[in-house]
Amino acid sequence: GEHVAWLPLPDVGHPHASGRIIGLGLGLPLTLPAIQRTAILAGVAYLKEVDWPDGRIVELMRPMPAERLPHALQARTWTRPATEWATVTPVVLDRPPKRADQRRLHQSLVESLQQAGYPAPAAVIVSSFSTFQGAPPAFRVPSPDRKPRYHAMIRFAEPVAGPIIAGRLRYFGVGLFRPMTKLSRGSA
């Protein structure tokens, strides 16, 4: 079935990026009926705080209507069509290989992307580190089931619109990708 996804929006991809989560996005399935979409958004509007998995309680504040939003809080940052994407939170593969060589990791990442509903990428690079400055290394992001996590860069044959989330924890903010830009490539 389709799920609502919580998306942590980190401050990444520029020379002074801290990696700190500065916002929270909500990914709703495109096929969600309007009445359900409205009910979910109405319920979310009442949220005052969120309990993080590490035990912290984070207070939510809504931006003012005329407030200039940081790049990470602009929807287009995460949704614009692009051929090149990279993780800002590492992916926990749906089916990690027993022996994690590059070929098997690439195949597992492709399978995780396809299971999430995206086309198979034309190219994949798997790493312990994100190309986005400020993003945490893969080994610093906790995995509740202690599965390995990986950062990745992918290239699709045709532009794909986001948000792109993949892997077994994709509905909880792990495995979030962001389109690559000249700025993000230059600041890695």
C-alpha atoms as a PDB file:
ATOM      1  CA  GLY A   1       0.000   0.000   0.000  1.00  0.00           C
ATOM      2  CA  GLU A   2       0.931   3.638  -0.189  1.00  0.00           C
ATOM      3  CA  HIS A   3       2.184   5.497   2.856  1.00  0.00           C
ATOM      4  CA  VAL A   4       2.649   9.015   4.128  1.00  0.00           C
ATOM      5  CA  ALA A   5       6.358   9.800   4.522  1.00  0.00           C
ATOM      6  CA  TRP A   6       7.998  12.069   7.101  1.00  0.00           C
ATOM      7  CA  LEU A   7      10.909  13.918   5.507  1.00  0.00           C
ATOM      8  CA  PRO A   8      13.559  15.616   7.665  1.00  0.00           C
ATOM      9  CA  LEU A   9      14.820  18.644   5.751  1.00  0.00           C
ATOM     10  CA  PRO A  10      18.484  19.202   6.627  1.00  0.00           C
ATOM     11  CA  ASP A  11      20.657  22.237   6.026  1.00  0.00           C
ATOM     12  CA  VAL A  12      23.064  20.750   3.448  1.00  0.00           C
ATOM     13  CA  GLY A  13      24.736  21.531   0.147  1.00  0.00           C
ATOM     14  CA  HIS A  14      26.442  24.871   0.735  1.00  0.00           C
ATOM     15  CA  PRO A  15      29.815  25.916   2.213  1.00  0.00           C
ATOM     16  CA  HIS A  16      28.400  26.726   5.674  1.00  0.00           C
ATOM     17  CA  ALA A  17      25.979  23.782   5.898  1.00  0.00           C
ATOM     18  CA  SER A  18      25.540  22.345   9.371  1.00  0.00           C
ATOM     19  CA  GLY A  19      23.519  19.239   8.500  1.00  0.00           C
ATOM     20  CA  ARG A  20      21.024  20.261  11.179  1.00  0.00           C
ATOM     21  CA  ILE A  21      17.405  19.412  10.461  1.00  0.00           C
ATOM     22  CA  ILE A  22      15.674  22.749   9.964  1.00  0.00           C
ATOM     23  CA  GLY A  23      12.295  21.561   8.778  1.00  0.00           C
ATOM     24  CA  LEU A  24       9.961  18.642   8.419  1.00  0.00           C
ATOM     25  CA  GLY A  25       8.256  17.727   5.171  1.00  0.00           C
ATOM     26  CA  LEU A  26       5.367  15.420   4.550  1.00  0.00           C
ATOM     27  CA  GLY A  27       5.227  13.218   1.459  1.00  0.00           C
ATOM     28  CA  LEU A  28       1.663  12.311   0.526  1.00  0.00           C
ATOM     29  CA  PRO A  29       0.897   9.709  -2.157  1.00  0.00           C
ATOM     30  CA  LEU A  30      -0.273  11.294  -5.405  1.00  0.00           C
ATOM     31  CA  THR A  31      -3.182   8.865  -5.517  1.00  0.00           C
ATOM     32  CA  LEU A  32      -4.478   9.893  -2.103  1.00  0.00           C
ATOM     33  CA  PRO A  33      -8.120  11.049  -2.380  1.00  0.00           C
ATOM     34  CA  ALA A  34      -8.607  14.772  -1.748  1.00  0.00           C
ATOM     35  CA  ILE A  35     -10.731  14.185   1.363  1.00  0.00           C
ATOM     36  CA  GLN A  36      -7.980  12.094   2.978  1.00  0.00           C
ATOM     37  CA  ARG A  37      -5.297  14.584   1.928  1.00  0.00           C
ATOM     38  CA  THR A  38      -7.296  17.402   3.528  1.00  0.00           C
ATOM     39  CA  ALA A  39      -7.852  15.404   6.746  1.00  0.00           C
ATOM     40  CA  ILE A  40      -4.130  14.579   7.055  1.00  0.00           C
ATOM     41  CA  LEU A  41      -3.036  18.166   6.444  1.00  0.00           C
ATOM     42  CA  ALA A  42      -5.625  19.450   8.924  1.00  0.00           C
ATOM     43  CA  GLY A  43      -4.318  17.037  11.558  1.00  0.00           C
ATOM     44  CA  VAL A  44      -0.694  17.982  10.898  1.00  0.00           C
ATOM     45  CA  ALA A  45      -1.585  21.657  11.286  1.00  0.00           C
ATOM     46  CA  TYR A  46      -2.248  20.949  14.984  1.00  0.00           C
ATOM     47  CA  LEU A  47       1.191  19.424  15.631  1.00  0.00           C
ATOM     48  CA  LYS A  48       3.176  21.469  18.113  1.00  0.00           C
ATOM     49  CA  GLU A  49       6.101  19.090  18.676  1.00  0.00           C
ATOM     50  CA  VAL A  50       7.617  15.870  17.382  1.00  0.00           C
ATOM     51  CA  ASP A  51       9.386  13.111  19.314  1.00  0.00           C
ATOM     52  CA  TRP A  52      12.640  12.197  17.526  1.00  0.00           C
ATOM     53  CA  PRO A  53      13.820   8.564  17.611  1.00  0.00           C
ATOM     54  CA  ASP A  54      16.804   9.615  19.766  1.00  0.00           C
ATOM     55  CA  GLY A  55      14.453  10.767  22.550  1.00  0.00           C
ATOM     56  CA  ARG A  56      14.555  14.500  21.859  1.00  0.00           C
ATOM     57  CA  ILE A  57      11.323  16.455  21.624  1.00  0.00           C
ATOM     58  CA  VAL A  58      11.428  19.086  18.897  1.00  0.00           C
ATOM     59  CA  GLU A  59       9.102  22.078  18.888  1.00  0.00           C
ATOM     60  CA  LEU A  60       7.548  22.901  15.514  1.00  0.00           C
ATOM     61  CA  MET A  61       7.167  26.492  14.351  1.00  0.00           C
ATOM     62  CA  ARG A  62       5.415  27.488  11.170  1.00  0.00           C
ATOM     63  CA  PRO A  63       7.027  30.115   8.957  1.00  0.00           C
ATOM     64  CA  MET A  64       5.317  33.463   8.632  1.00  0.00           C
ATOM     65  CA  PRO A  65       3.453  33.973   5.314  1.00  0.00           C
ATOM     66  CA  ALA A  66       5.945  36.511   3.907  1.00  0.00           C
ATOM     67  CA  GLU A  67       9.034  34.926   5.484  1.00  0.00           C
ATOM     68  CA  ARG A  68      11.927  34.121   3.127  1.00  0.00           C
ATOM     69  CA  LEU A  69      12.541  30.403   3.516  1.00  0.00           C
ATOM     70  CA  PRO A  70      15.968  28.772   3.537  1.00  0.00           C
ATOM     71  CA  HIS A  71      16.699  26.658   0.448  1.00  0.00           C
ATOM     72  CA  ALA A  72      16.089  23.411   2.396  1.00  0.00           C
ATOM     73  CA  LEU A  73      12.527  24.509   3.240  1.00  0.00           C
ATOM     74  CA  GLN A  74      11.531  25.295  -0.330  1.00  0.00           C
ATOM     75  CA  ALA A  75       9.492  22.506  -1.943  1.00  0.00           C
ATOM     76  CA  ARG A  76      11.302  22.889  -5.291  1.00  0.00           C
ATOM     77  CA  THR A  77      14.591  21.949  -3.606  1.00  0.00           C
ATOM     78  CA  TRP A  78      13.242  18.404  -3.141  1.00  0.00           C
ATOM     79  CA  THR A  79      10.709  18.038  -5.939  1.00  0.00           C
ATOM     80  CA  ARG A  80      12.107  19.568  -9.130  1.00  0.00           C
ATOM     81  CA  PRO A  81      12.713  17.084 -11.958  1.00  0.00           C
ATOM     82  CA  ALA A  82      16.358  16.119 -12.378  1.00  0.00           C
ATOM     83  CA  THR A  83      18.450  13.311 -13.801  1.00  0.00           C
ATOM     84  CA  GLU A  84      21.092  13.385 -11.054  1.00  0.00           C
ATOM     85  CA  TRP A  85      20.220  12.854  -7.386  1.00  0.00           C
ATOM     86  CA  ALA A  86      22.230  12.187  -4.221  1.00  0.00           C
ATOM     87  CA  THR A  87      21.309  11.197  -0.685  1.00  0.00           C
ATOM     88  CA  VAL A  88      21.181  13.657   2.183  1.00  0.00           C
ATOM     89  CA  THR A  89      20.217  10.876   4.597  1.00  0.00           C
ATOM     90  CA  PRO A  90      21.685   7.433   3.952  1.00  0.00           C
ATOM     91  CA  VAL A  91      19.694   4.560   2.489  1.00  0.00           C
ATOM     92  CA  VAL A  92      19.006   1.376   4.459  1.00  0.00           C
ATOM     93  CA  LEU A  93      18.639  -1.085   1.579  1.00  0.00           C
ATOM     94  CA  ASP A  94      15.444  -3.139   1.403  1.00  0.00           C
ATOM     95  CA  ARG A  95      17.488  -6.271   0.700  1.00  0.00           C
ATOM     96  CA  PRO A  96      21.139  -5.689   1.624  1.00  0.00           C
ATOM     97  CA  PRO A  97      23.539  -8.177   0.029  1.00  0.00           C
ATOM     98  CA  LYS A  98      25.193 -10.770   2.255  1.00  0.00           C
ATOM     99  CA  ARG A  99      28.536  -9.882   0.680  1.00  0.00           C
ATOM    100  CA  ALA A 100      28.648  -6.128   0.117  1.00  0.00           C
ATOM    101  CA  ASP A 101      30.846  -5.702  -2.958  1.00  0.00           C
ATOM    102  CA  GLN A 102      30.186  -2.743  -5.267  1.00  0.00           C
ATOM    103  CA  ARG A 103      28.246  -4.739  -7.870  1.00  0.00           C
ATOM    104  CA  ARG A 104      25.881  -6.229  -5.274  1.00  0.00           C
ATOM    105  CA  LEU A 105      25.433  -2.882  -3.499  1.00  0.00           C
ATOM    106  CA  HIS A 106      24.573  -1.200  -6.806  1.00  0.00           C
ATOM    107  CA  GLN A 107      22.037  -3.918  -7.626  1.00  0.00           C
ATOM    108  CA  SER A 108      20.461  -3.707  -4.145  1.00  0.00           C
ATOM    109  CA  LEU A 109      20.166   0.076  -4.422  1.00  0.00           C
ATOM    110  CA  VAL A 110      18.542  -0.233  -7.862  1.00  0.00           C
ATOM    111  CA  GLU A 111      16.074  -2.750  -6.401  1.00  0.00           C
ATOM    112  CA  SER A 112      15.289  -0.409  -3.472  1.00  0.00           C
ATOM    113  CA  LEU A 113      14.613   2.459  -5.888  1.00  0.00           C
ATOM    114  CA  GLN A 114      12.396   0.285  -8.095  1.00  0.00           C
ATOM    115  CA  GLN A 115      10.524  -1.075  -5.069  1.00  0.00           C
ATOM    116  CA  ALA A 116       9.829   2.549  -4.094  1.00  0.00           C
ATOM    117  CA  GLY A 117       8.348   3.139  -7.556  1.00  0.00           C
ATOM    118  CA  TYR A 118      11.203   4.854  -9.411  1.00  0.00           C
ATOM    119  CA  PRO A 119      12.815   3.764 -12.682  1.00  0.00           C
ATOM    120  CA  ALA A 120      16.134   1.943 -12.588  1.00  0.00           C
ATOM    121  CA  PRO A 121      18.934   4.519 -12.640  1.00  0.00           C
ATOM    122  CA  ALA A 122      21.423   4.477 -15.525  1.00  0.00           C
ATOM    123  CA  ALA A 123      24.347   4.967 -13.112  1.00  0.00           C
ATOM    124  CA  VAL A 124      24.894   4.402  -9.383  1.00  0.00           C
ATOM    125  CA  ILE A 125      27.713   5.323  -7.006  1.00  0.00           C
ATOM    126  CA  VAL A 126      27.553   3.989  -3.427  1.00  0.00           C
ATOM    127  CA  SER A 127      29.645   5.578  -0.665  1.00  0.00           C
ATOM    128  CA  SER A 128      29.864   6.140   3.080  1.00  0.00           C
ATOM    129  CA  PHE A 129      29.654   9.903   2.553  1.00  0.00           C
ATOM    130  CA  SER A 130      27.126  12.189   0.902  1.00  0.00           C
ATOM    131  CA  THR A 131      28.141  14.503  -1.899  1.00  0.00           C
ATOM    132  CA  PHE A 132      26.218  17.236  -0.059  1.00  0.00           C
ATOM    133  CA  GLN A 133      28.343  19.226   2.344  1.00  0.00           C
ATOM    134  CA  GLY A 134      26.936  19.045   5.874  1.00  0.00           C
ATOM    135  CA  ALA A 135      25.153  15.688   5.468  1.00  0.00           C
ATOM    136  CA  PRO A 136      26.176  13.143   8.110  1.00  0.00           C
ATOM    137  CA  PRO A 137      28.306  10.145   7.131  1.00  0.00           C
ATOM    138  CA  ALA A 138      26.267   6.975   6.701  1.00  0.00           C
ATOM    139  CA  PHE A 139      27.721   5.325   9.817  1.00  0.00           C
ATOM    140  CA  ARG A 140      26.578   8.244  12.027  1.00  0.00           C
ATOM    141  CA  VAL A 141      22.886   7.789  11.237  1.00  0.00           C
ATOM    142  CA  PRO A 142      21.335   5.179  13.535  1.00  0.00           C
ATOM    143  CA  SER A 143      19.534   2.195  12.062  1.00  0.00           C
ATOM    144  CA  PRO A 144      17.036   0.646  14.478  1.00  0.00           C
ATOM    145  CA  ASP A 145      17.601  -2.842  13.070  1.00  0.00           C
ATOM    146  CA  ARG A 146      21.380  -2.332  12.781  1.00  0.00           C
ATOM    147  CA  LYS A 147      21.331  -2.807   9.015  1.00  0.00           C
ATOM    148  CA  PRO A 148      24.125  -1.137   7.043  1.00  0.00           C
ATOM    149  CA  ARG A 149      23.375   2.240   5.524  1.00  0.00           C
ATOM    150  CA  TYR A 150      24.874   3.902   2.466  1.00  0.00           C
ATOM    151  CA  HIS A 151      24.966   7.233   0.737  1.00  0.00           C
ATOM    152  CA  ALA A 152      24.483   7.197  -3.015  1.00  0.00           C
ATOM    153  CA  MET A 153      24.548   9.264  -6.159  1.00  0.00           C
ATOM    154  CA  ILE A 154      22.271   8.165  -8.991  1.00  0.00           C
ATOM    155  CA  ARG A 155      21.659   9.255 -12.554  1.00  0.00           C
ATOM    156  CA  PHE A 156      18.439   8.514 -14.416  1.00  0.00           C
ATOM    157  CA  ALA A 157      18.176   8.403 -18.199  1.00  0.00           C
ATOM    158  CA  GLU A 158      15.288  10.915 -18.059  1.00  0.00           C
ATOM    159  CA  PRO A 159      14.471  13.584 -15.446  1.00  0.00           C
ATOM    160  CA  VAL A 160      12.542  12.255 -12.431  1.00  0.00           C
ATOM    161  CA  ALA A 161      10.498  14.509 -10.127  1.00  0.00           C
ATOM    162  CA  GLY A 162      10.902  14.161  -6.384  1.00  0.00           C
ATOM    163  CA  PRO A 163      10.855  13.775  -3.605  1.00  0.00           C
ATOM    164  CA  ILE A 164      12.898  10.625  -4.007  1.00  0.00           C
ATOM    165  CA  ILE A 165      13.011   8.362  -0.968  1.00  0.00           C
ATOM    166  CA  ALA A 166      14.208   4.759  -1.032  1.00  0.00           C
ATOM    167  CA  GLY A 167      15.013   1.871   1.262  1.00  0.00           C
ATOM    168  CA  ARG A 168      13.374   0.152   4.175  1.00  0.00           C
ATOM    169  CA  LEU A 169      13.071   3.290   6.340  1.00  0.00           C
ATOM    170  CA  ARG A 170      11.996   5.673   3.572  1.00  0.00           C
ATOM    171  CA  TYR A 171       8.752   6.657   5.291  1.00  0.00           C
ATOM    172  CA  PHE A 172      10.730   7.828   8.338  1.00  0.00           C
ATOM    173  CA  GLY A 173      13.221  10.168   6.655  1.00  0.00           C
ATOM    174  CA  VAL A 174      16.030   7.725   5.911  1.00  0.00           C
ATOM    175  CA  GLY A 175      17.021   7.370   2.253  1.00  0.00           C
ATOM    176  CA  LEU A 176      16.091  10.923   1.225  1.00  0.00           C
ATOM    177  CA  PHE A 177      17.634  12.139  -2.034  1.00  0.00           C
ATOM    178  CA  ARG A 178      17.999  15.681  -3.346  1.00  0.00           C
ATOM    179  CA  PRO A 179      18.615  16.810  -6.933  1.00  0.00           C
ATOM    180  CA  MET A 180      22.226  17.537  -7.736  1.00  0.00           C
ATOM    181  CA  THR A 181      23.143  21.054  -8.780  1.00  0.00           C
ATOM    182  CA  LYS A 182      26.398  22.714  -9.734  1.00  0.00           C
ATOM    183  CA  LEU A 183      26.537  24.154  -6.208  1.00  0.00           C
ATOM    184  CA  SER A 184      26.044  20.781  -4.517  1.00  0.00           C
ATOM    185  CA  ARG A 185      28.618  19.097  -6.802  1.00  0.00           C
ATOM    186  CA  GLY A 186      31.122  21.833  -6.152  1.00  0.00           C
ATOM    187  CA  SER A 187      30.742  21.809  -2.379  1.00  0.00           C
ATOM    188  CA  ALA A 188      31.207  18.098  -1.724  1.00  0.00           C
END
